[in-house]
Amino acid sequence: MTYTILRLPAVKAQTGNSRSTHYLRITQGLFTKPVSLGPRAVG
C-alpha cells in the first residue's frame, strides 16, 4: 500500500475546508496528525 502525504494547501483544495476546520478535524480524530517532512515542512 502506498501512502500519499499531502501538504495543507492540497488538503484545503480537496476538502474545501479552512485551515482551522482542518486542525479541528485532526483533534476530532477524523484526519491523521501532521508528519514532519523536514526541518521546516510538515505534511
C-alpha atoms as a PDB file:
ATOM      1  CA  MET A   1       0.000   0.000   0.000  1.00  0.00           C
ATOM      2  CA  THR A   2       1.350   3.385  -0.985  1.00  0.00           C
ATOM      3  CA  TYR A   3       0.592   6.405   1.164  1.00  0.00           C
ATOM      4  CA  THR A   4       0.431   9.922  -0.228  1.00  0.00           C
ATOM      5  CA  ILE A   5       1.395  12.787   2.055  1.00  0.00           C
ATOM      6  CA  LEU A   6      -0.481  15.974   1.245  1.00  0.00           C
ATOM      7  CA  ARG A   7       0.555  19.470   2.287  1.00  0.00           C
ATOM      8  CA  LEU A   8      -2.069  21.762   3.806  1.00  0.00           C
ATOM      9  CA  PRO A   9      -2.890  23.702   0.587  1.00  0.00           C
ATOM     10  CA  ALA A  10      -3.618  20.421  -1.216  1.00  0.00           C
ATOM     11  CA  VAL A  11      -5.844  19.203   1.623  1.00  0.00           C
ATOM     12  CA  LYS A  12      -7.720  22.511   1.644  1.00  0.00           C
ATOM     13  CA  ALA A  13      -8.243  22.287  -2.125  1.00  0.00           C
ATOM     14  CA  GLN A  14      -9.552  18.719  -1.964  1.00  0.00           C
ATOM     15  CA  THR A  15     -11.813  19.112   1.072  1.00  0.00           C
ATOM     16  CA  GLY A  16     -12.895  22.736   0.745  1.00  0.00           C
ATOM     17  CA  ASN A  17     -12.292  23.218   4.474  1.00  0.00           C
ATOM     18  CA  SER A  18     -10.471  26.126   6.067  1.00  0.00           C
ATOM     19  CA  ARG A  19      -7.191  25.754   7.948  1.00  0.00           C
ATOM     20  CA  SER A  20      -8.914  25.967  11.342  1.00  0.00           C
ATOM     21  CA  THR A  21     -11.525  23.377  10.345  1.00  0.00           C
ATOM     22  CA  HIS A  22      -8.764  21.063   9.165  1.00  0.00           C
ATOM     23  CA  TYR A  23      -6.995  21.238  12.527  1.00  0.00           C
ATOM     24  CA  LEU A  24     -10.333  20.785  14.324  1.00  0.00           C
ATOM     25  CA  ARG A  25     -10.847  17.576  12.344  1.00  0.00           C
ATOM     26  CA  ILE A  26      -7.365  16.421  13.434  1.00  0.00           C
ATOM     27  CA  THR A  27      -8.275  16.901  17.115  1.00  0.00           C
ATOM     28  CA  GLN A  28     -11.545  15.033  16.500  1.00  0.00           C
ATOM     29  CA  GLY A  29      -9.573  12.121  15.037  1.00  0.00           C
ATOM     30  CA  LEU A  30     -11.033  12.449  11.538  1.00  0.00           C
ATOM     31  CA  PHE A  31      -7.681  13.297   9.923  1.00  0.00           C
ATOM     32  CA  THR A  32      -4.228  11.987  10.743  1.00  0.00           C
ATOM     33  CA  LYS A  33      -1.757  14.127  12.645  1.00  0.00           C
ATOM     34  CA  PRO A  34       0.844  16.060  10.634  1.00  0.00           C
ATOM     35  CA  VAL A  35       4.078  14.235   9.797  1.00  0.00           C
ATOM     36  CA  SER A  36       7.441  16.001   9.795  1.00  0.00           C
ATOM     37  CA  LEU A  37       8.931  16.101   6.290  1.00  0.00           C
ATOM     38  CA  GLY A  38      11.982  18.167   7.154  1.00  0.00           C
ATOM     39  CA  PRO A  39      13.164  20.998   9.353  1.00  0.00           C
ATOM     40  CA  ARG A  40      10.554  23.459   8.040  1.00  0.00           C
ATOM     41  CA  ALA A  41       7.892  21.300   6.416  1.00  0.00           C
ATOM     42  CA  VAL A  42       5.048  19.077   7.568  1.00  0.00           C
ATOM     43  CA  GLY A  43       2.547  17.105   5.560  1.00  0.00           C
END
